[in-house]
Amino acid sequence: MRWVSDITYIPTDEGWLYLTTVLDLADRKVIGWALSDSLKAVDTSVAAWRMALKNRAVQGQLLFHSDQGVQYACTEFQTQLKGLPVIQSMTGPPVRSKRQLLG
């Protein structure tokens, strides 16, 4: 199993919104997402991760890939991974596109 996640910044007339998605690379479906006006991990990576777990059970080893953004490296997110068969993979500096991972 391989999942990837990223946060997209969306400009609006009232400021920024942040769309966090979790994509299953097996079928390229979005299995978790969160839309927030905050970049706090609980509103972005954690919320999208929790939705992904509700929509798709982790069966066997899971490789979870993201950039090195604080939302994925922080304690709030790391706590979500504990007790699950998850290997967290991070790129070098944050990337602008998943195309670098997908090829």
PDB file of N, CA and C in Angstrom:
ATOM      1  N   MET A   1       0.851  -1.181   0.000  1.00  0.00           N
ATOM      2  CA  MET A   1       0.000   0.000   0.000  1.00  0.00           C
ATOM      3  C   MET A   1       0.891   1.237   0.000  1.00  0.00           C
ATOM      4  N   ARG A   2       0.520   2.212  -0.825  1.00  0.00           N
ATOM      5  CA  ARG A   2       1.240   3.482  -0.879  1.00  0.00           C
ATOM      6  C   ARG A   2       0.232   4.625  -0.946  1.00  0.00           C
ATOM      7  N   TRP A   3       0.319   5.507   0.040  1.00  0.00           N
ATOM      8  CA  TRP A   3      -0.511   6.699   0.060  1.00  0.00           C
ATOM      9  C   TRP A   3       0.400   7.914   0.002  1.00  0.00           C
ATOM     10  N   VAL A   4      -0.069   8.979  -0.628  1.00  0.00           N
ATOM     11  CA  VAL A   4       0.662  10.243  -0.658  1.00  0.00           C
ATOM     12  C   VAL A   4      -0.264  11.356  -0.185  1.00  0.00           C
ATOM     13  N   SER A   5       0.341  12.400   0.345  1.00  0.00           N
ATOM     14  CA  SER A   5      -0.455  13.518   0.842  1.00  0.00           C
ATOM     15  C   SER A   5       0.262  14.827   0.556  1.00  0.00           C
ATOM     16  N   ASP A   6      -0.524  15.866   0.382  1.00  0.00           N
ATOM     17  CA  ASP A   6       0.029  17.193   0.149  1.00  0.00           C
ATOM     18  C   ASP A   6      -1.017  18.231   0.537  1.00  0.00           C
ATOM     19  N   ILE A   7      -0.549  19.442   0.708  1.00  0.00           N
ATOM     20  CA  ILE A   7      -1.422  20.575   1.026  1.00  0.00           C
ATOM     21  C   ILE A   7      -1.328  21.571  -0.120  1.00  0.00           C
ATOM     22  N   THR A   8      -2.476  21.936  -0.675  1.00  0.00           N
ATOM     23  CA  THR A   8      -2.552  22.912  -1.757  1.00  0.00           C
ATOM     24  C   THR A   8      -3.084  24.224  -1.197  1.00  0.00           C
ATOM     25  N   TYR A   9      -2.400  25.308  -1.523  1.00  0.00           N
ATOM     26  CA  TYR A   9      -2.816  26.635  -1.080  1.00  0.00           C
ATOM     27  C   TYR A   9      -3.764  27.208  -2.126  1.00  0.00           C
ATOM     28  N   ILE A  10      -4.934  27.649  -1.680  1.00  0.00           N
ATOM     29  CA  ILE A  10      -5.946  28.177  -2.591  1.00  0.00           C
ATOM     30  C   ILE A  10      -6.232  29.636  -2.224  1.00  0.00           C
ATOM     31  N   PRO A  11      -5.892  30.573  -3.114  1.00  0.00           N
ATOM     32  CA  PRO A  11      -6.187  31.976  -2.821  1.00  0.00           C
ATOM     33  C   PRO A  11      -7.678  32.263  -3.024  1.00  0.00           C
ATOM     34  N   THR A  12      -8.245  33.033  -2.111  1.00  0.00           N
ATOM     35  CA  THR A  12      -9.632  33.469  -2.241  1.00  0.00           C
ATOM     36  C   THR A  12      -9.681  34.971  -1.997  1.00  0.00           C
ATOM     37  N   ASP A  13     -10.824  35.567  -2.241  1.00  0.00           N
ATOM     38  CA  ASP A  13     -10.981  36.997  -1.981  1.00  0.00           C
ATOM     39  C   ASP A  13     -10.868  37.318  -0.497  1.00  0.00           C
ATOM     40  N   GLU A  14     -11.087  36.338   0.345  1.00  0.00           N
ATOM     41  CA  GLU A  14     -11.066  36.558   1.793  1.00  0.00           C
ATOM     42  C   GLU A  14      -9.799  36.030   2.457  1.00  0.00           C
ATOM     43  N   GLY A  15      -8.830  35.604   1.678  1.00  0.00           N
ATOM     44  CA  GLY A  15      -7.593  35.056   2.233  1.00  0.00           C
ATOM     45  C   GLY A  15      -7.320  33.677   1.659  1.00  0.00           C
ATOM     46  N   TRP A  16      -6.502  32.920   2.357  1.00  0.00           N
ATOM     47  CA  TRP A  16      -6.098  31.603   1.877  1.00  0.00           C
ATOM     48  C   TRP A  16      -6.942  30.490   2.473  1.00  0.00           C
ATOM     49  N   LEU A  17      -7.185  29.458   1.660  1.00  0.00           N
ATOM     50  CA  LEU A  17      -7.724  28.189   2.131  1.00  0.00           C
ATOM     51  C   LEU A  17      -6.671  27.131   1.836  1.00  0.00           C
ATOM     52  N   TYR A  18      -6.694  26.059   2.611  1.00  0.00           N
ATOM     53  CA  TYR A  18      -5.686  25.013   2.489  1.00  0.00           C
ATOM     54  C   TYR A  18      -6.390  23.675   2.318  1.00  0.00           C
ATOM     55  N   LEU A  19      -6.175  23.042   1.163  1.00  0.00           N
ATOM     56  CA  LEU A  19      -6.782  21.756   0.861  1.00  0.00           C
ATOM     57  C   LEU A  19      -5.728  20.664   1.034  1.00  0.00           C
ATOM     58  N   THR A  20      -5.966  19.790   1.986  1.00  0.00           N
ATOM     59  CA  THR A  20      -5.081  18.658   2.227  1.00  0.00           C
ATOM     60  C   THR A  20      -5.744  17.415   1.663  1.00  0.00           C
ATOM     61  N   THR A  21      -5.007  16.659   0.865  1.00  0.00           N
ATOM     62  CA  THR A  21      -5.543  15.429   0.293  1.00  0.00           C
ATOM     63  C   THR A  21      -4.632  14.255   0.620  1.00  0.00           C
ATOM     64  N   VAL A  22      -5.247  13.085   0.752  1.00  0.00           N
ATOM     65  CA  VAL A  22      -4.525  11.817   0.863  1.00  0.00           C
ATOM     66  C   VAL A  22      -4.983  10.978  -0.318  1.00  0.00           C
ATOM     67  N   LEU A  23      -4.031  10.551  -1.121  1.00  0.00           N
ATOM     68  CA  LEU A  23      -4.303   9.809  -2.350  1.00  0.00           C
ATOM     69  C   LEU A  23      -3.737   8.397  -2.230  1.00  0.00           C
ATOM     70  N   ASP A  24      -4.543   7.401  -2.589  1.00  0.00           N
ATOM     71  CA  ASP A  24      -4.071   6.016  -2.637  1.00  0.00           C
ATOM     72  C   ASP A  24      -3.494   5.792  -4.031  1.00  0.00           C
ATOM     73  N   LEU A  25      -2.210   5.478  -4.110  1.00  0.00           N
ATOM     74  CA  LEU A  25      -1.574   5.320  -5.414  1.00  0.00           C
ATOM     75  C   LEU A  25      -2.026   4.071  -6.152  1.00  0.00           C
ATOM     76  N   ALA A  26      -2.638   3.118  -5.466  1.00  0.00           N
ATOM     77  CA  ALA A  26      -3.104   1.900  -6.134  1.00  0.00           C
ATOM     78  C   ALA A  26      -4.171   2.213  -7.180  1.00  0.00           C
ATOM     79  N   ASP A  27      -5.095   3.102  -6.830  1.00  0.00           N
ATOM     80  CA  ASP A  27      -6.160   3.454  -7.773  1.00  0.00           C
ATOM     81  C   ASP A  27      -6.253   4.962  -8.023  1.00  0.00           C
ATOM     82  N   ARG A  28      -5.340   5.703  -7.416  1.00  0.00           N
ATOM     83  CA  ARG A  28      -5.272   7.168  -7.548  1.00  0.00           C
ATOM     84  C   ARG A  28      -6.553   7.868  -7.113  1.00  0.00           C
ATOM     85  N   LYS A  29      -7.223   7.296  -6.144  1.00  0.00           N
ATOM     86  CA  LYS A  29      -8.428   7.924  -5.595  1.00  0.00           C
ATOM     87  C   LYS A  29      -8.072   8.732  -4.358  1.00  0.00           C
ATOM     88  N   VAL A  30      -8.758   9.852  -4.203  1.00  0.00           N
ATOM     89  CA  VAL A  30      -8.630  10.636  -2.977  1.00  0.00           C
ATOM     90  C   VAL A  30      -9.417   9.902  -1.904  1.00  0.00           C
ATOM     91  N   ILE A  31      -8.725   9.483  -0.858  1.00  0.00           N
ATOM     92  CA  ILE A  31      -9.384   8.733   0.211  1.00  0.00           C
ATOM     93  C   ILE A  31      -9.553   9.559   1.475  1.00  0.00           C
ATOM     94  N   GLY A  32      -8.921  10.722   1.511  1.00  0.00           N
ATOM     95  CA  GLY A  32      -9.081  11.628   2.640  1.00  0.00           C
ATOM     96  C   GLY A  32      -8.787  13.049   2.197  1.00  0.00           C
ATOM     97  N   TRP A  33      -9.494  13.988   2.786  1.00  0.00           N
ATOM     98  CA  TRP A  33      -9.244  15.386   2.469  1.00  0.00           C
ATOM     99  C   TRP A  33      -9.723  16.267   3.616  1.00  0.00           C
ATOM    100  N   ALA A  34      -9.183  17.471   3.652  1.00  0.00           N
ATOM    101  CA  ALA A  34      -9.613  18.473   4.630  1.00  0.00           C
ATOM    102  C   ALA A  34      -9.431  19.846   3.994  1.00  0.00           C
ATOM    103  N   LEU A  35     -10.399  20.707   4.173  1.00  0.00           N
ATOM    104  CA  LEU A  35     -10.330  22.084   3.691  1.00  0.00           C
ATOM    105  C   LEU A  35     -10.388  22.989   4.910  1.00  0.00           C
ATOM    106  N   SER A  36      -9.403  23.864   5.028  1.00  0.00           N
ATOM    107  CA  SER A  36      -9.293  24.672   6.236  1.00  0.00           C
ATOM    108  C   SER A  36      -8.785  26.069   5.910  1.00  0.00           C
ATOM    109  N   ASP A  37      -9.091  27.017   6.794  1.00  0.00           N
ATOM    110  CA  ASP A  37      -8.502  28.346   6.676  1.00  0.00           C
ATOM    111  C   ASP A  37      -7.300  28.478   7.605  1.00  0.00           C
ATOM    112  N   SER A  38      -6.877  27.349   8.175  1.00  0.00           N
ATOM    113  CA  SER A  38      -5.742  27.299   9.087  1.00  0.00           C
ATOM    114  C   SER A  38      -4.748  26.252   8.604  1.00  0.00           C
ATOM    115  N   LEU A  39      -3.468  26.473   8.847  1.00  0.00           N
ATOM    116  CA  LEU A  39      -2.445  25.482   8.517  1.00  0.00           C
ATOM    117  C   LEU A  39      -2.085  24.599   9.709  1.00  0.00           C
ATOM    118  N   LYS A  40      -2.871  24.668  10.775  1.00  0.00           N
ATOM    119  CA  LYS A  40      -2.600  23.806  11.927  1.00  0.00           C
ATOM    120  C   LYS A  40      -2.757  22.348  11.519  1.00  0.00           C
ATOM    121  N   ALA A  41      -1.888  21.490  12.039  1.00  0.00           N
ATOM    122  CA  ALA A  41      -1.909  20.064  11.683  1.00  0.00           C
ATOM    123  C   ALA A  41      -3.265  19.428  11.952  1.00  0.00           C
ATOM    124  N   VAL A  42      -3.891  19.770  13.058  1.00  0.00           N
ATOM    125  CA  VAL A  42      -5.183  19.168  13.398  1.00  0.00           C
ATOM    126  C   VAL A  42      -6.238  19.489  12.341  1.00  0.00           C
ATOM    127  N   ASP A  43      -6.097  20.623  11.664  1.00  0.00           N
ATOM    128  CA  ASP A  43      -7.059  21.039  10.640  1.00  0.00           C
ATOM    129  C   ASP A  43      -6.677  20.573   9.236  1.00  0.00           C
ATOM    130  N   THR A  44      -5.444  20.110   9.054  1.00  0.00           N
ATOM    131  CA  THR A  44      -4.950  19.742   7.721  1.00  0.00           C
ATOM    132  C   THR A  44      -4.579  18.265   7.673  1.00  0.00           C
ATOM    133  N   SER A  45      -3.338  17.948   7.980  1.00  0.00           N
ATOM    134  CA  SER A  45      -2.843  16.572   7.832  1.00  0.00           C
ATOM    135  C   SER A  45      -3.576  15.580   8.720  1.00  0.00           C
ATOM    136  N   VAL A  46      -3.838  15.942   9.952  1.00  0.00           N
ATOM    137  CA  VAL A  46      -4.516  15.021  10.877  1.00  0.00           C
ATOM    138  C   VAL A  46      -5.948  14.757  10.417  1.00  0.00           C
ATOM    139  N   ALA A  47      -6.665  15.808  10.039  1.00  0.00           N
ATOM    140  CA  ALA A  47      -8.059  15.642   9.599  1.00  0.00           C
ATOM    141  C   ALA A  47      -8.139  14.790   8.331  1.00  0.00           C
ATOM    142  N   ALA A  48      -7.258  15.040   7.370  1.00  0.00           N
ATOM    143  CA  ALA A  48      -7.269  14.255   6.128  1.00  0.00           C
ATOM    144  C   ALA A  48      -6.871  12.805   6.394  1.00  0.00           C
ATOM    145  N   TRP A  49      -5.893  12.588   7.279  1.00  0.00           N
ATOM    146  CA  TRP A  49      -5.462  11.231   7.640  1.00  0.00           C
ATOM    147  C   TRP A  49      -6.609  10.450   8.279  1.00  0.00           C
ATOM    148  N   ARG A  50      -7.312  11.085   9.196  1.00  0.00           N
ATOM    149  CA  ARG A  50      -8.429  10.401   9.869  1.00  0.00           C
ATOM    150  C   ARG A  50      -9.523  10.011   8.875  1.00  0.00           C
ATOM    151  N   MET A  51      -9.816  10.891   7.920  1.00  0.00           N
ATOM    152  CA  MET A  51     -10.805  10.554   6.903  1.00  0.00           C
ATOM    153  C   MET A  51     -10.310   9.391   6.046  1.00  0.00           C
ATOM    154  N   ALA A  52      -9.038   9.407   5.691  1.00  0.00           N
ATOM    155  CA  ALA A  52      -8.477   8.315   4.881  1.00  0.00           C
ATOM    156  C   ALA A  52      -8.622   6.978   5.602  1.00  0.00           C
ATOM    157  N   LEU A  53      -8.358   6.964   6.899  1.00  0.00           N
ATOM    158  CA  LEU A  53      -8.485   5.721   7.672  1.00  0.00           C
ATOM    159  C   LEU A  53      -9.931   5.240   7.739  1.00  0.00           C
ATOM    160  N   LYS A  54     -10.883   6.165   7.767  1.00  0.00           N
ATOM    161  CA  LYS A  54     -12.297   5.774   7.770  1.00  0.00           C
ATOM    162  C   LYS A  54     -12.711   5.195   6.420  1.00  0.00           C
ATOM    163  N   ASN A  55     -12.118   5.726   5.351  1.00  0.00           N
ATOM    164  CA  ASN A  55     -12.497   5.309   4.003  1.00  0.00           C
ATOM    165  C   ASN A  55     -11.744   4.088   3.493  1.00  0.00           C
ATOM    166  N   ARG A  56     -10.572   3.827   4.060  1.00  0.00           N
ATOM    167  CA  ARG A  56      -9.766   2.712   3.574  1.00  0.00           C
ATOM    168  C   ARG A  56      -8.920   2.169   4.720  1.00  0.00           C
ATOM    169  N   ALA A  57      -9.154   0.927   5.072  1.00  0.00           N
ATOM    170  CA  ALA A  57      -8.403   0.302   6.164  1.00  0.00           C
ATOM    171  C   ALA A  57      -6.962   0.042   5.732  1.00  0.00           C
ATOM    172  N   VAL A  58      -6.054   0.200   6.675  1.00  0.00           N
ATOM    173  CA  VAL A  58      -4.655  -0.140   6.425  1.00  0.00           C
ATOM    174  C   VAL A  58      -4.533  -1.652   6.520  1.00  0.00           C
ATOM    175  N   GLN A  59      -4.165  -2.266   5.408  1.00  0.00           N
ATOM    176  CA  GLN A  59      -4.016  -3.722   5.354  1.00  0.00           C
ATOM    177  C   GLN A  59      -2.575  -4.025   4.992  1.00  0.00           C
ATOM    178  N   GLY A  60      -1.824  -4.517   5.945  1.00  0.00           N
ATOM    179  CA  GLY A  60      -0.406  -4.768   5.709  1.00  0.00           C
ATOM    180  C   GLY A  60       0.394  -3.487   5.819  1.00  0.00           C
ATOM    181  N   GLN A  61       1.626  -3.543   5.358  1.00  0.00           N
ATOM    182  CA  GLN A  61       2.536  -2.402   5.439  1.00  0.00           C
ATOM    183  C   GLN A  61       2.068  -1.268   4.534  1.00  0.00           C
ATOM    184  N   LEU A  62       2.059  -0.048   5.069  1.00  0.00           N
ATOM    185  CA  LEU A  62       1.661   1.139   4.314  1.00  0.00           C
ATOM    186  C   LEU A  62       2.835   2.100   4.245  1.00  0.00           C
ATOM    187  N   LEU A  63       3.180   2.535   3.044  1.00  0.00           N
ATOM    188  CA  LEU A  63       4.155   3.597   2.849  1.00  0.00           C
ATOM    189  C   LEU A  63       3.366   4.889   2.692  1.00  0.00           C
ATOM    190  N   PHE A  64       3.606   5.847   3.595  1.00  0.00           N
ATOM    191  CA  PHE A  64       2.910   7.131   3.550  1.00  0.00           C
ATOM    192  C   PHE A  64       3.927   8.203   3.196  1.00  0.00           C
ATOM    193  N   HIS A  65       3.739   8.849   2.045  1.00  0.00           N
ATOM    194  CA  HIS A  65       4.716   9.812   1.544  1.00  0.00           C
ATOM    195  C   HIS A  65       4.140  11.228   1.531  1.00  0.00           C
ATOM    196  N   SER A  66       4.966  12.169   1.960  1.00  0.00           N
ATOM    197  CA  SER A  66       4.602  13.589   1.931  1.00  0.00           C
ATOM    198  C   SER A  66       5.883  14.402   1.813  1.00  0.00           C
ATOM    199  N   ASP A  67       5.724  15.715   1.787  1.00  0.00           N
ATOM    200  CA  ASP A  67       6.907  16.555   1.879  1.00  0.00           C
ATOM    201  C   ASP A  67       7.284  16.686   3.356  1.00  0.00           C
ATOM    202  N   GLN A  68       8.261  17.514   3.641  1.00  0.00           N
ATOM    203  CA  GLN A  68       8.723  17.673   5.021  1.00  0.00           C
ATOM    204  C   GLN A  68       7.995  18.787   5.764  1.00  0.00           C
ATOM    205  N   GLY A  69       6.817  19.126   5.309  1.00  0.00           N
ATOM    206  CA  GLY A  69       6.064  20.187   5.964  1.00  0.00           C
ATOM    207  C   GLY A  69       5.829  19.891   7.436  1.00  0.00           C
ATOM    208  N   VAL A  70       5.768  20.945   8.214  1.00  0.00           N
ATOM    209  CA  VAL A  70       5.603  20.805   9.663  1.00  0.00           C
ATOM    210  C   VAL A  70       4.328  20.044  10.009  1.00  0.00           C
ATOM    211  N   GLN A  71       3.318  20.117   9.154  1.00  0.00           N
ATOM    212  CA  GLN A  71       2.054  19.428   9.430  1.00  0.00           C
ATOM    213  C   GLN A  71       2.222  17.908   9.426  1.00  0.00           C
ATOM    214  N   TYR A  72       3.244  17.393   8.749  1.00  0.00           N
ATOM    215  CA  TYR A  72       3.492  15.951   8.704  1.00  0.00           C
ATOM    216  C   TYR A  72       4.585  15.520   9.681  1.00  0.00           C
ATOM    217  N   ALA A  73       5.437  16.449  10.080  1.00  0.00           N
ATOM    218  CA  ALA A  73       6.553  16.126  10.971  1.00  0.00           C
ATOM    219  C   ALA A  73       6.223  16.364  12.444  1.00  0.00           C
ATOM    220  N   CYS A  74       5.137  17.044  12.727  1.00  0.00           N
ATOM    221  CA  CYS A  74       4.803  17.431  14.098  1.00  0.00           C
ATOM    222  C   CYS A  74       4.271  16.257  14.929  1.00  0.00           C
ATOM    223  N   THR A  75       4.296  16.443  16.223  1.00  0.00           N
ATOM    224  CA  THR A  75       3.828  15.422  17.165  1.00  0.00           C
ATOM    225  C   THR A  75       2.372  15.059  16.934  1.00  0.00           C
ATOM    226  N   GLU A  76       1.530  16.044  16.639  1.00  0.00           N
ATOM    227  CA  GLU A  76       0.104  15.772  16.441  1.00  0.00           C
ATOM    228  C   GLU A  76      -0.114  14.751  15.327  1.00  0.00           C
ATOM    229  N   PHE A  77       0.660  14.870  14.238  1.00  0.00           N
ATOM    230  CA  PHE A  77       0.501  13.917  13.142  1.00  0.00           C
ATOM    231  C   PHE A  77       1.205  12.598  13.448  1.00  0.00           C
ATOM    232  N   GLN A  78       2.398  12.666  13.997  1.00  0.00           N
ATOM    233  CA  GLN A  78       3.158  11.449  14.307  1.00  0.00           C
ATOM    234  C   GLN A  78       2.379  10.535  15.248  1.00  0.00           C
ATOM    235  N   THR A  79       1.623  11.114  16.166  1.00  0.00           N
ATOM    236  CA  THR A  79       0.802  10.334  17.095  1.00  0.00           C
ATOM    237  C   THR A  79      -0.233   9.502  16.343  1.00  0.00           C
ATOM    238  N   GLN A  80      -0.743  10.016  15.228  1.00  0.00           N
ATOM    239  CA  GLN A  80      -1.744   9.292  14.439  1.00  0.00           C
ATOM    240  C   GLN A  80      -1.178   8.004  13.837  1.00  0.00           C
ATOM    241  N   LEU A  81       0.123   7.983  13.587  1.00  0.00           N
ATOM    242  CA  LEU A  81       0.762   6.841  12.926  1.00  0.00           C
ATOM    243  C   LEU A  81       1.145   5.724  13.894  1.00  0.00           C
ATOM    244  N   LYS A  82       1.258   6.070  15.175  1.00  0.00           N
ATOM    245  CA  LYS A  82       1.699   5.080  16.165  1.00  0.00           C
ATOM    246  C   LYS A  82       0.738   3.904  16.240  1.00  0.00           C
ATOM    247  N   GLY A  83       1.312   2.715  16.328  1.00  0.00           N
ATOM    248  CA  GLY A  83       0.513   1.510  16.452  1.00  0.00           C
ATOM    249  C   GLY A  83       0.011   0.959  15.131  1.00  0.00           C
ATOM    250  N   LEU A  84       0.299   1.658  14.043  1.00  0.00           N
ATOM    251  CA  LEU A  84      -0.105   1.195  12.712  1.00  0.00           C
ATOM    252  C   LEU A  84       1.138   0.752  11.938  1.00  0.00           C
ATOM    253  N   PRO A  85       0.982  -0.186  11.003  1.00  0.00           N
ATOM    254  CA  PRO A  85       2.131  -0.631  10.210  1.00  0.00           C
ATOM    255  C   PRO A  85       2.454   0.368   9.092  1.00  0.00           C
ATOM    256  N   VAL A  86       2.881   1.570   9.502  1.00  0.00           N
ATOM    257  CA  VAL A  86       3.115   2.659   8.558  1.00  0.00           C
ATOM    258  C   VAL A  86       4.593   3.033   8.549  1.00  0.00           C
ATOM    259  N   ILE A  87       5.142   3.128   7.354  1.00  0.00           N
ATOM    260  CA  ILE A  87       6.476   3.690   7.166  1.00  0.00           C
ATOM    261  C   ILE A  87       6.265   5.069   6.570  1.00  0.00           C
ATOM    262  N   GLN A  88       6.746   6.090   7.279  1.00  0.00           N
ATOM    263  CA  GLN A  88       6.587   7.446   6.763  1.00  0.00           C
ATOM    264  C   GLN A  88       7.793   7.800   5.904  1.00  0.00           C
ATOM    265  N   SER A  89       7.517   8.289   4.717  1.00  0.00           N
ATOM    266  CA  SER A  89       8.540   8.696   3.758  1.00  0.00           C
ATOM    267  C   SER A  89       8.347  10.179   3.484  1.00  0.00           C
ATOM    268  N   MET A  90       9.453  10.913   3.480  1.00  0.00           N
ATOM    269  CA  MET A  90       9.371  12.342   3.175  1.00  0.00           C
ATOM    270  C   MET A  90      10.399  12.688   2.115  1.00  0.00           C
ATOM    271  N   THR A  91      10.039  13.634   1.264  1.00  0.00           N
ATOM    272  CA  THR A  91      10.960  14.125   0.247  1.00  0.00           C
ATOM    273  C   THR A  91      12.036  14.954   0.910  1.00  0.00           C
ATOM    274  N   GLY A  92      12.941  15.454   0.097  1.00  0.00           N
ATOM    275  CA  GLY A  92      13.893  16.447   0.570  1.00  0.00           C
ATOM    276  C   GLY A  92      13.105  17.707   0.886  1.00  0.00           C
ATOM    277  N   PRO A  93      13.537  18.830   0.379  1.00  0.00           N
ATOM    278  CA  PRO A  93      12.762  20.052   0.603  1.00  0.00           C
ATOM    279  C   PRO A  93      11.343  19.878   0.062  1.00  0.00           C
ATOM    280  N   PRO A  94      10.361  20.561   0.642  1.00  0.00           N
ATOM    281  CA  PRO A  94       8.981  20.429   0.164  1.00  0.00           C
ATOM    282  C   PRO A  94       8.901  20.608  -1.351  1.00  0.00           C
ATOM    283  N   VAL A  95       8.065  19.788  -1.987  1.00  0.00           N
ATOM    284  CA  VAL A  95       7.926  19.835  -3.445  1.00  0.00           C
ATOM    285  C   VAL A  95       6.635  20.542  -3.822  1.00  0.00           C
ATOM    286  N   ARG A  96       6.595  21.041  -5.022  1.00  0.00           N
ATOM    287  CA  ARG A  96       5.413  21.753  -5.491  1.00  0.00           C
ATOM    288  C   ARG A  96       4.440  20.836  -6.213  1.00  0.00           C
ATOM    289  N   SER A  97       4.884  19.618  -6.568  1.00  0.00           N
ATOM    290  CA  SER A  97       4.022  18.748  -7.355  1.00  0.00           C
ATOM    291  C   SER A  97       4.276  17.285  -7.043  1.00  0.00           C
ATOM    292  N   LYS A  98       3.191  16.506  -6.979  1.00  0.00           N
ATOM    293  CA  LYS A  98       3.334  15.067  -6.773  1.00  0.00           C
ATOM    294  C   LYS A  98       3.913  14.398  -8.010  1.00  0.00           C
ATOM    295  N   ARG A  99       4.005  15.113  -9.123  1.00  0.00           N
ATOM    296  CA  ARG A  99       4.571  14.530 -10.346  1.00  0.00           C
ATOM    297  C   ARG A  99       5.987  14.022 -10.103  1.00  0.00           C
ATOM    298  N   GLN A 100       6.714  14.666  -9.194  1.00  0.00           N
ATOM    299  CA  GLN A 100       8.063  14.212  -8.890  1.00  0.00           C
ATOM    300  C   GLN A 100       8.032  12.812  -8.289  1.00  0.00           C
ATOM    301  N   LEU A 101       6.992  12.478  -7.557  1.00  0.00           N
ATOM    302  CA  LEU A 101       6.873  11.154  -6.961  1.00  0.00           C
ATOM    303  C   LEU A 101       6.264  10.167  -7.948  1.00  0.00           C
ATOM    304  N   LEU A 102       5.255  10.599  -8.669  1.00  0.00           N
ATOM    305  CA  LEU A 102       4.528   9.693  -9.558  1.00  0.00           C
ATOM    306  C   LEU A 102       5.265   9.417 -10.860  1.00  0.00           C
ATOM    307  N   GLY A 103       6.217  10.283 -11.218  1.00  0.00           N
ATOM    308  CA  GLY A 103       7.022  10.058 -12.418  1.00  0.00           C
ATOM    309  C   GLY A 103       6.410  10.503 -13.661  1.00  0.00           C
TER     310      GLY A 103
END
